[in-house]
Amino acid sequence: MTDKKHNHYFKDVSHLYHIDVYRVLELYNVNDPCIQHAIKKLLVAGGRGAGKDISTDIDEAIVSLQRWKEMQDEKTPAFIVTTRAV
């Protein structure tokens, strides 16, 4: 494929006619929905013709990544709220 220093950044897509953001996510095994959403926003930031400028897309990607961080915190034992029977 390639002898570049960072081989893991390169994927063989020679068998594909074209790729889209969903294929990129699949090729790189991006499975988390928050990260998927942020990547989609960043790949086409300001360029989808949906009336959103690049700044809006970047802000929305940041919100998705912040939610990912919150969800990681929610997995920690310190975050889990316990209740006592009264």
PDB file of N, CA and C in Angstrom:
ATOM      1  N   MET A   1       0.836  -1.186   0.000  1.00  0.00           N
ATOM      2  CA  MET A   1       0.000   0.000   0.000  1.00  0.00           C
ATOM      3  C   MET A   1       0.877   1.245   0.000  1.00  0.00           C
ATOM      4  N   THR A   2       1.581   1.463   1.098  1.00  0.00           N
ATOM      5  CA  THR A   2       2.455   2.632   1.197  1.00  0.00           C
ATOM      6  C   THR A   2       3.552   2.341   2.209  1.00  0.00           C
ATOM      7  N   ASP A   3       4.674   2.982   2.046  1.00  0.00           N
ATOM      8  CA  ASP A   3       5.768   2.803   2.994  1.00  0.00           C
ATOM      9  C   ASP A   3       5.956   4.058   3.836  1.00  0.00           C
ATOM     10  N   LYS A   4       4.941   4.858   3.912  1.00  0.00           N
ATOM     11  CA  LYS A   4       5.002   6.093   4.692  1.00  0.00           C
ATOM     12  C   LYS A   4       5.126   5.778   6.184  1.00  0.00           C
ATOM     13  N   LYS A   5       5.609   6.752   6.932  1.00  0.00           N
ATOM     14  CA  LYS A   5       5.852   6.588   8.360  1.00  0.00           C
ATOM     15  C   LYS A   5       4.583   6.232   9.131  1.00  0.00           C
ATOM     16  N   HIS A   6       3.469   6.840   8.774  1.00  0.00           N
ATOM     17  CA  HIS A   6       2.217   6.636   9.505  1.00  0.00           C
ATOM     18  C   HIS A   6       1.237   5.841   8.651  1.00  0.00           C
ATOM     19  N   ASN A   7       1.548   4.589   8.409  1.00  0.00           N
ATOM     20  CA  ASN A   7       0.736   3.723   7.555  1.00  0.00           C
ATOM     21  C   ASN A   7      -0.723   3.661   7.967  1.00  0.00           C
ATOM     22  N   HIS A   8      -1.006   3.759   9.254  1.00  0.00           N
ATOM     23  CA  HIS A   8      -2.383   3.627   9.730  1.00  0.00           C
ATOM     24  C   HIS A   8      -3.296   4.758   9.241  1.00  0.00           C
ATOM     25  N   TYR A   9      -2.726   5.822   8.708  1.00  0.00           N
ATOM     26  CA  TYR A   9      -3.537   6.911   8.173  1.00  0.00           C
ATOM     27  C   TYR A   9      -3.997   6.653   6.742  1.00  0.00           C
ATOM     28  N   PHE A  10      -3.468   5.627   6.115  1.00  0.00           N
ATOM     29  CA  PHE A  10      -3.759   5.355   4.718  1.00  0.00           C
ATOM     30  C   PHE A  10      -4.609   4.105   4.576  1.00  0.00           C
ATOM     31  N   LYS A  11      -5.660   4.186   3.769  1.00  0.00           N
ATOM     32  CA  LYS A  11      -6.544   3.063   3.523  1.00  0.00           C
ATOM     33  C   LYS A  11      -6.604   2.813   2.021  1.00  0.00           C
ATOM     34  N   ASP A  12      -6.583   1.556   1.645  1.00  0.00           N
ATOM     35  CA  ASP A  12      -6.695   1.200   0.233  1.00  0.00           C
ATOM     36  C   ASP A  12      -8.159   1.305  -0.183  1.00  0.00           C
ATOM     37  N   VAL A  13      -8.436   2.221  -1.077  1.00  0.00           N
ATOM     38  CA  VAL A  13      -9.799   2.391  -1.583  1.00  0.00           C
ATOM     39  C   VAL A  13      -9.839   2.160  -3.094  1.00  0.00           C
ATOM     40  N   SER A  14      -8.836   1.476  -3.609  1.00  0.00           N
ATOM     41  CA  SER A  14      -8.755   1.264  -5.053  1.00  0.00           C
ATOM     42  C   SER A  14      -9.917   0.444  -5.597  1.00  0.00           C
ATOM     43  N   HIS A  15     -10.556  -0.334  -4.743  1.00  0.00           N
ATOM     44  CA  HIS A  15     -11.694  -1.153  -5.174  1.00  0.00           C
ATOM     45  C   HIS A  15     -13.016  -0.365  -5.189  1.00  0.00           C
ATOM     46  N   LEU A  16     -12.975   0.879  -4.770  1.00  0.00           N
ATOM     47  CA  LEU A  16     -14.182   1.697  -4.696  1.00  0.00           C
ATOM     48  C   LEU A  16     -14.214   2.722  -5.818  1.00  0.00           C
ATOM     49  N   TYR A  17     -15.387   2.961  -6.350  1.00  0.00           N
ATOM     50  CA  TYR A  17     -15.567   3.976  -7.383  1.00  0.00           C
ATOM     51  C   TYR A  17     -15.494   5.368  -6.772  1.00  0.00           C
ATOM     52  N   HIS A  18     -16.105   5.541  -5.598  1.00  0.00           N
ATOM     53  CA  HIS A  18     -16.064   6.808  -4.872  1.00  0.00           C
ATOM     54  C   HIS A  18     -16.263   6.503  -3.386  1.00  0.00           C
ATOM     55  N   ILE A  19     -15.951   7.472  -2.568  1.00  0.00           N
ATOM     56  CA  ILE A  19     -16.177   7.329  -1.122  1.00  0.00           C
ATOM     57  C   ILE A  19     -16.926   8.550  -0.624  1.00  0.00           C
ATOM     58  N   ASP A  20     -17.661   8.347   0.453  1.00  0.00           N
ATOM     59  CA  ASP A  20     -18.343   9.450   1.109  1.00  0.00           C
ATOM     60  C   ASP A  20     -17.974   9.415   2.591  1.00  0.00           C
ATOM     61  N   VAL A  21     -18.537  10.323   3.339  1.00  0.00           N
ATOM     62  CA  VAL A  21     -18.189  10.430   4.756  1.00  0.00           C
ATOM     63  C   VAL A  21     -18.497   9.126   5.499  1.00  0.00           C
ATOM     64  N   TYR A  22     -19.575   8.449   5.107  1.00  0.00           N
ATOM     65  CA  TYR A  22     -19.938   7.211   5.792  1.00  0.00           C
ATOM     66  C   TYR A  22     -18.917   6.109   5.536  1.00  0.00           C
ATOM     67  N   ARG A  23     -18.368   6.076   4.321  1.00  0.00           N
ATOM     68  CA  ARG A  23     -17.313   5.095   4.008  1.00  0.00           C
ATOM     69  C   ARG A  23     -16.049   5.421   4.792  1.00  0.00           C
ATOM     70  N   VAL A  24     -15.726   6.697   4.913  1.00  0.00           N
ATOM     71  CA  VAL A  24     -14.550   7.094   5.690  1.00  0.00           C
ATOM     72  C   VAL A  24     -14.699   6.645   7.141  1.00  0.00           C
ATOM     73  N   LEU A  25     -15.875   6.887   7.710  1.00  0.00           N
ATOM     74  CA  LEU A  25     -16.117   6.468   9.093  1.00  0.00           C
ATOM     75  C   LEU A  25     -15.961   4.960   9.232  1.00  0.00           C
ATOM     76  N   GLU A  26     -16.464   4.224   8.258  1.00  0.00           N
ATOM     77  CA  GLU A  26     -16.348   2.765   8.285  1.00  0.00           C
ATOM     78  C   GLU A  26     -14.893   2.321   8.132  1.00  0.00           C
ATOM     79  N   LEU A  27     -14.180   2.917   7.189  1.00  0.00           N
ATOM     80  CA  LEU A  27     -12.785   2.541   6.948  1.00  0.00           C
ATOM     81  C   LEU A  27     -11.915   2.743   8.188  1.00  0.00           C
ATOM     82  N   TYR A  28     -12.236   3.762   8.964  1.00  0.00           N
ATOM     83  CA  TYR A  28     -11.445   4.065  10.149  1.00  0.00           C
ATOM     84  C   TYR A  28     -12.085   3.554  11.443  1.00  0.00           C
ATOM     85  N   ASN A  29     -13.122   2.736  11.302  1.00  0.00           N
ATOM     86  CA  ASN A  29     -13.785   2.112  12.454  1.00  0.00           C
ATOM     87  C   ASN A  29     -14.227   3.122  13.512  1.00  0.00           C
ATOM     88  N   VAL A  30     -14.807   4.213  13.040  1.00  0.00           N
ATOM     89  CA  VAL A  30     -15.343   5.219  13.953  1.00  0.00           C
ATOM     90  C   VAL A  30     -16.776   4.799  14.275  1.00  0.00           C
ATOM     91  N   ASN A  31     -17.001   4.314  15.476  1.00  0.00           N
ATOM     92  CA  ASN A  31     -18.292   3.755  15.839  1.00  0.00           C
ATOM     93  C   ASN A  31     -19.105   4.616  16.805  1.00  0.00           C
ATOM     94  N   ASP A  32     -18.473   5.531  17.479  1.00  0.00           N
ATOM     95  CA  ASP A  32     -19.183   6.363  18.455  1.00  0.00           C
ATOM     96  C   ASP A  32     -19.995   7.432  17.729  1.00  0.00           C
ATOM     97  N   PRO A  33     -21.293   7.547  18.037  1.00  0.00           N
ATOM     98  CA  PRO A  33     -22.127   8.508  17.316  1.00  0.00           C
ATOM     99  C   PRO A  33     -21.721   9.971  17.509  1.00  0.00           C
ATOM    100  N   CYS A  34     -21.225  10.326  18.661  1.00  0.00           N
ATOM    101  CA  CYS A  34     -20.793  11.718  18.881  1.00  0.00           C
ATOM    102  C   CYS A  34     -19.584  12.045  18.011  1.00  0.00           C
ATOM    103  N   ILE A  35     -18.643  11.132  17.968  1.00  0.00           N
ATOM    104  CA  ILE A  35     -17.443  11.347  17.156  1.00  0.00           C
ATOM    105  C   ILE A  35     -17.794  11.317  15.673  1.00  0.00           C
ATOM    106  N   GLN A  36     -18.681  10.411  15.279  1.00  0.00           N
ATOM    107  CA  GLN A  36     -19.130  10.359  13.887  1.00  0.00           C
ATOM    108  C   GLN A  36     -19.730  11.699  13.477  1.00  0.00           C
ATOM    109  N   HIS A  37     -20.588  12.238  14.312  1.00  0.00           N
ATOM    110  CA  HIS A  37     -21.248  13.495  13.995  1.00  0.00           C
ATOM    111  C   HIS A  37     -20.235  14.630  13.859  1.00  0.00           C
ATOM    112  N   ALA A  38     -19.285  14.685  14.773  1.00  0.00           N
ATOM    113  CA  ALA A  38     -18.261  15.738  14.722  1.00  0.00           C
ATOM    114  C   ALA A  38     -17.428  15.620  13.447  1.00  0.00           C
ATOM    115  N   ILE A  39     -17.038  14.403  13.093  1.00  0.00           N
ATOM    116  CA  ILE A  39     -16.232  14.208  11.883  1.00  0.00           C
ATOM    117  C   ILE A  39     -17.014  14.632  10.647  1.00  0.00           C
ATOM    118  N   LYS A  40     -18.277  14.248  10.577  1.00  0.00           N
ATOM    119  CA  LYS A  40     -19.104  14.646   9.427  1.00  0.00           C
ATOM    120  C   LYS A  40     -19.166  16.161   9.321  1.00  0.00           C
ATOM    121  N   LYS A  41     -19.355  16.841  10.449  1.00  0.00           N
ATOM    122  CA  LYS A  41     -19.408  18.304  10.443  1.00  0.00           C
ATOM    123  C   LYS A  41     -18.087  18.900   9.957  1.00  0.00           C
ATOM    124  N   LEU A  42     -16.976  18.347  10.425  1.00  0.00           N
ATOM    125  CA  LEU A  42     -15.663  18.890  10.087  1.00  0.00           C
ATOM    126  C   LEU A  42     -15.267  18.619   8.632  1.00  0.00           C
ATOM    127  N   LEU A  43     -15.637  17.464   8.119  1.00  0.00           N
ATOM    128  CA  LEU A  43     -15.258  17.129   6.744  1.00  0.00           C
ATOM    129  C   LEU A  43     -15.892  18.058   5.717  1.00  0.00           C
ATOM    130  N   VAL A  44     -17.073  18.556   6.012  1.00  0.00           N
ATOM    131  CA  VAL A  44     -17.759  19.426   5.050  1.00  0.00           C
ATOM    132  C   VAL A  44     -18.098  20.787   5.662  1.00  0.00           C
ATOM    133  N   ALA A  45     -17.316  21.203   6.617  1.00  0.00           N
ATOM    134  CA  ALA A  45     -17.591  22.448   7.333  1.00  0.00           C
ATOM    135  C   ALA A  45     -17.785  23.621   6.370  1.00  0.00           C
ATOM    136  N   GLY A  46     -18.977  24.187   6.442  1.00  0.00           N
ATOM    137  CA  GLY A  46     -19.299  25.359   5.633  1.00  0.00           C
ATOM    138  C   GLY A  46     -19.546  25.076   4.169  1.00  0.00           C
ATOM    139  N   GLY A  47     -19.537  23.826   3.766  1.00  0.00           N
ATOM    140  CA  GLY A  47     -19.614  23.541   2.341  1.00  0.00           C
ATOM    141  C   GLY A  47     -20.785  22.706   1.883  1.00  0.00           C
ATOM    142  N   ARG A  48     -21.820  22.597   2.684  1.00  0.00           N
ATOM    143  CA  ARG A  48     -22.953  21.758   2.299  1.00  0.00           C
ATOM    144  C   ARG A  48     -24.091  22.544   1.681  1.00  0.00           C
ATOM    145  N   GLY A  49     -24.016  23.829   1.687  1.00  0.00           N
ATOM    146  CA  GLY A  49     -25.091  24.627   1.128  1.00  0.00           C
ATOM    147  C   GLY A  49     -26.363  24.581   1.951  1.00  0.00           C
ATOM    148  N   ALA A  50     -26.243  24.252   3.220  1.00  0.00           N
ATOM    149  CA  ALA A  50     -27.418  24.147   4.084  1.00  0.00           C
ATOM    150  C   ALA A  50     -27.654  25.440   4.858  1.00  0.00           C
ATOM    151  N   GLY A  51     -27.006  26.505   4.431  1.00  0.00           N
ATOM    152  CA  GLY A  51     -27.185  27.783   5.103  1.00  0.00           C
ATOM    153  C   GLY A  51     -26.332  27.950   6.349  1.00  0.00           C
ATOM    154  N   LYS A  52     -25.448  26.984   6.610  1.00  0.00           N
ATOM    155  CA  LYS A  52     -24.573  27.081   7.782  1.00  0.00           C
ATOM    156  C   LYS A  52     -23.168  27.443   7.317  1.00  0.00           C
ATOM    157  N   ASP A  53     -22.581  28.415   7.998  1.00  0.00           N
ATOM    158  CA  ASP A  53     -21.212  28.773   7.651  1.00  0.00           C
ATOM    159  C   ASP A  53     -20.236  27.846   8.387  1.00  0.00           C
ATOM    160  N   ILE A  54     -18.980  27.975   8.068  1.00  0.00           N
ATOM    161  CA  ILE A  54     -17.968  27.100   8.652  1.00  0.00           C
ATOM    162  C   ILE A  54     -17.932  27.217  10.178  1.00  0.00           C
ATOM    163  N   SER A  55     -18.124  28.413  10.682  1.00  0.00           N
ATOM    164  CA  SER A  55     -18.094  28.620  12.130  1.00  0.00           C
ATOM    165  C   SER A  55     -19.212  27.841  12.829  1.00  0.00           C
ATOM    166  N   THR A  56     -20.391  27.816  12.237  1.00  0.00           N
ATOM    167  CA  THR A  56     -21.512  27.074  12.817  1.00  0.00           C
ATOM    168  C   THR A  56     -21.216  25.581  12.836  1.00  0.00           C
ATOM    169  N   ASP A  57     -20.685  25.069  11.721  1.00  0.00           N
ATOM    170  CA  ASP A  57     -20.344  23.647  11.671  1.00  0.00           C
ATOM    171  C   ASP A  57     -19.259  23.293  12.689  1.00  0.00           C
ATOM    172  N   ILE A  58     -18.278  24.142  12.843  1.00  0.00           N
ATOM    173  CA  ILE A  58     -17.223  23.904  13.836  1.00  0.00           C
ATOM    174  C   ILE A  58     -17.815  23.912  15.240  1.00  0.00           C
ATOM    175  N   ASP A  59     -18.680  24.879  15.520  1.00  0.00           N
ATOM    176  CA  ASP A  59     -19.336  24.936  16.834  1.00  0.00           C
ATOM    177  C   ASP A  59     -20.137  23.669  17.104  1.00  0.00           C
ATOM    178  N   GLU A  60     -20.852  23.179  16.103  1.00  0.00           N
ATOM    179  CA  GLU A  60     -21.655  21.965  16.279  1.00  0.00           C
ATOM    180  C   GLU A  60     -20.779  20.735  16.484  1.00  0.00           C
ATOM    181  N   ALA A  61     -19.619  20.695  15.825  1.00  0.00           N
ATOM    182  CA  ALA A  61     -18.673  19.598  16.039  1.00  0.00           C
ATOM    183  C   ALA A  61     -18.144  19.634  17.474  1.00  0.00           C
ATOM    184  N   ILE A  62     -17.844  20.819  17.964  1.00  0.00           N
ATOM    185  CA  ILE A  62     -17.356  20.971  19.340  1.00  0.00           C
ATOM    186  C   ILE A  62     -18.415  20.510  20.333  1.00  0.00           C
ATOM    187  N   VAL A  63     -19.664  20.862  20.100  1.00  0.00           N
ATOM    188  CA  VAL A  63     -20.754  20.419  20.983  1.00  0.00           C
ATOM    189  C   VAL A  63     -20.821  18.898  21.011  1.00  0.00           C
ATOM    190  N   SER A  64     -20.696  18.274  19.857  1.00  0.00           N
ATOM    191  CA  SER A  64     -20.725  16.803  19.801  1.00  0.00           C
ATOM    192  C   SER A  64     -19.560  16.197  20.579  1.00  0.00           C
ATOM    193  N   LEU A  65     -18.389  16.777  20.451  1.00  0.00           N
ATOM    194  CA  LEU A  65     -17.216  16.258  21.166  1.00  0.00           C
ATOM    195  C   LEU A  65     -17.312  16.514  22.667  1.00  0.00           C
ATOM    196  N   GLN A  66     -17.910  17.634  23.045  1.00  0.00           N
ATOM    197  CA  GLN A  66     -18.125  17.887  24.469  1.00  0.00           C
ATOM    198  C   GLN A  66     -19.101  16.862  25.045  1.00  0.00           C
ATOM    199  N   ARG A  67     -20.112  16.508  24.274  1.00  0.00           N
ATOM    200  CA  ARG A  67     -21.056  15.491  24.735  1.00  0.00           C
ATOM    201  C   ARG A  67     -20.353  14.151  24.886  1.00  0.00           C
ATOM    202  N   TRP A  68     -19.444  13.843  23.966  1.00  0.00           N
ATOM    203  CA  TRP A  68     -18.662  12.608  24.082  1.00  0.00           C
ATOM    204  C   TRP A  68     -17.900  12.596  25.407  1.00  0.00           C
ATOM    205  N   LYS A  69     -17.282  13.718  25.751  1.00  0.00           N
ATOM    206  CA  LYS A  69     -16.541  13.802  27.014  1.00  0.00           C
ATOM    207  C   LYS A  69     -17.476  13.627  28.209  1.00  0.00           C
ATOM    208  N   GLU A  70     -18.641  14.250  28.150  1.00  0.00           N
ATOM    209  CA  GLU A  70     -19.611  14.086  29.229  1.00  0.00           C
ATOM    210  C   GLU A  70     -20.009  12.623  29.391  1.00  0.00           C
ATOM    211  N   MET A  71     -20.222  11.964  28.283  1.00  0.00           N
ATOM    212  CA  MET A  71     -20.625  10.559  28.336  1.00  0.00           C
ATOM    213  C   MET A  71     -19.518   9.694  28.928  1.00  0.00           C
ATOM    214  N   GLN A  72     -18.264  10.053  28.677  1.00  0.00           N
ATOM    215  CA  GLN A  72     -17.156   9.307  29.280  1.00  0.00           C
ATOM    216  C   GLN A  72     -17.157   9.509  30.789  1.00  0.00           C
ATOM    217  N   ASP A  73     -17.413  10.745  31.220  1.00  0.00           N
ATOM    218  CA  ASP A  73     -17.487  11.028  32.657  1.00  0.00           C
ATOM    219  C   ASP A  73     -18.633  10.268  33.311  1.00  0.00           C
ATOM    220  N   GLU A  74     -19.733  10.122  32.581  1.00  0.00           N
ATOM    221  CA  GLU A  74     -20.892   9.407  33.116  1.00  0.00           C
ATOM    222  C   GLU A  74     -20.594   7.927  33.369  1.00  0.00           C
ATOM    223  N   LYS A  75     -19.572   7.424  32.736  1.00  0.00           N
ATOM    224  CA  LYS A  75     -19.195   6.014  32.908  1.00  0.00           C
ATOM    225  C   LYS A  75     -18.369   5.777  34.169  1.00  0.00           C
ATOM    226  N   THR A  76     -17.862   6.852  34.774  1.00  0.00           N
ATOM    227  CA  THR A  76     -16.997   6.697  35.939  1.00  0.00           C
ATOM    228  C   THR A  76     -17.823   6.471  37.192  1.00  0.00           C
ATOM    229  N   PRO A  77     -17.317   5.657  38.114  1.00  0.00           N
ATOM    230  CA  PRO A  77     -18.048   5.376  39.352  1.00  0.00           C
ATOM    231  C   PRO A  77     -18.379   6.629  40.152  1.00  0.00           C
ATOM    232  N   ALA A  78     -17.532   7.652  40.114  1.00  0.00           N
ATOM    233  CA  ALA A  78     -17.774   8.871  40.886  1.00  0.00           C
ATOM    234  C   ALA A  78     -19.020   9.601  40.387  1.00  0.00           C
ATOM    235  N   PHE A  79     -19.372   9.418  39.136  1.00  0.00           N
ATOM    236  CA  PHE A  79     -20.515  10.114  38.558  1.00  0.00           C
ATOM    237  C   PHE A  79     -21.828   9.412  38.900  1.00  0.00           C
ATOM    238  N   ILE A  80     -21.769   8.110  39.041  1.00  0.00           N
ATOM    239  CA  ILE A  80     -22.991   7.324  39.237  1.00  0.00           C
ATOM    240  C   ILE A  80     -23.621   7.701  40.575  1.00  0.00           C
ATOM    241  N   VAL A  81     -24.879   8.086  40.525  1.00  0.00           N
ATOM    242  CA  VAL A  81     -25.614   8.493  41.718  1.00  0.00           C
ATOM    243  C   VAL A  81     -26.259   7.250  42.340  1.00  0.00           C
ATOM    244  N   THR A  82     -26.041   7.078  43.601  1.00  0.00           N
ATOM    245  CA  THR A  82     -26.665   5.961  44.291  1.00  0.00           C
ATOM    246  C   THR A  82     -27.793   6.476  45.167  1.00  0.00           C
ATOM    247  N   THR A  83     -28.788   5.658  45.361  1.00  0.00           N
ATOM    248  CA  THR A  83     -29.904   6.056  46.221  1.00  0.00           C
ATOM    249  C   THR A  83     -30.002   5.094  47.382  1.00  0.00           C
ATOM    250  N   ARG A  84     -30.457   5.615  48.511  1.00  0.00           N
ATOM    251  CA  ARG A  84     -30.666   4.786  49.698  1.00  0.00           C
ATOM    252  C   ARG A  84     -32.146   4.581  49.915  1.00  0.00           C
ATOM    253  N   ALA A  85     -32.468   3.420  50.397  1.00  0.00           N
ATOM    254  CA  ALA A  85     -33.858   3.181  50.776  1.00  0.00           C
ATOM    255  C   ALA A  85     -34.125   3.933  52.066  1.00  0.00           C
ATOM    256  N   VAL A  86     -35.252   4.577  52.138  1.00  0.00           N
ATOM    257  CA  VAL A  86     -35.602   5.364  53.332  1.00  0.00           C
ATOM    258  C   VAL A  86     -36.420   4.553  54.281  1.00  0.00           C
TER     259      VAL A  86
END
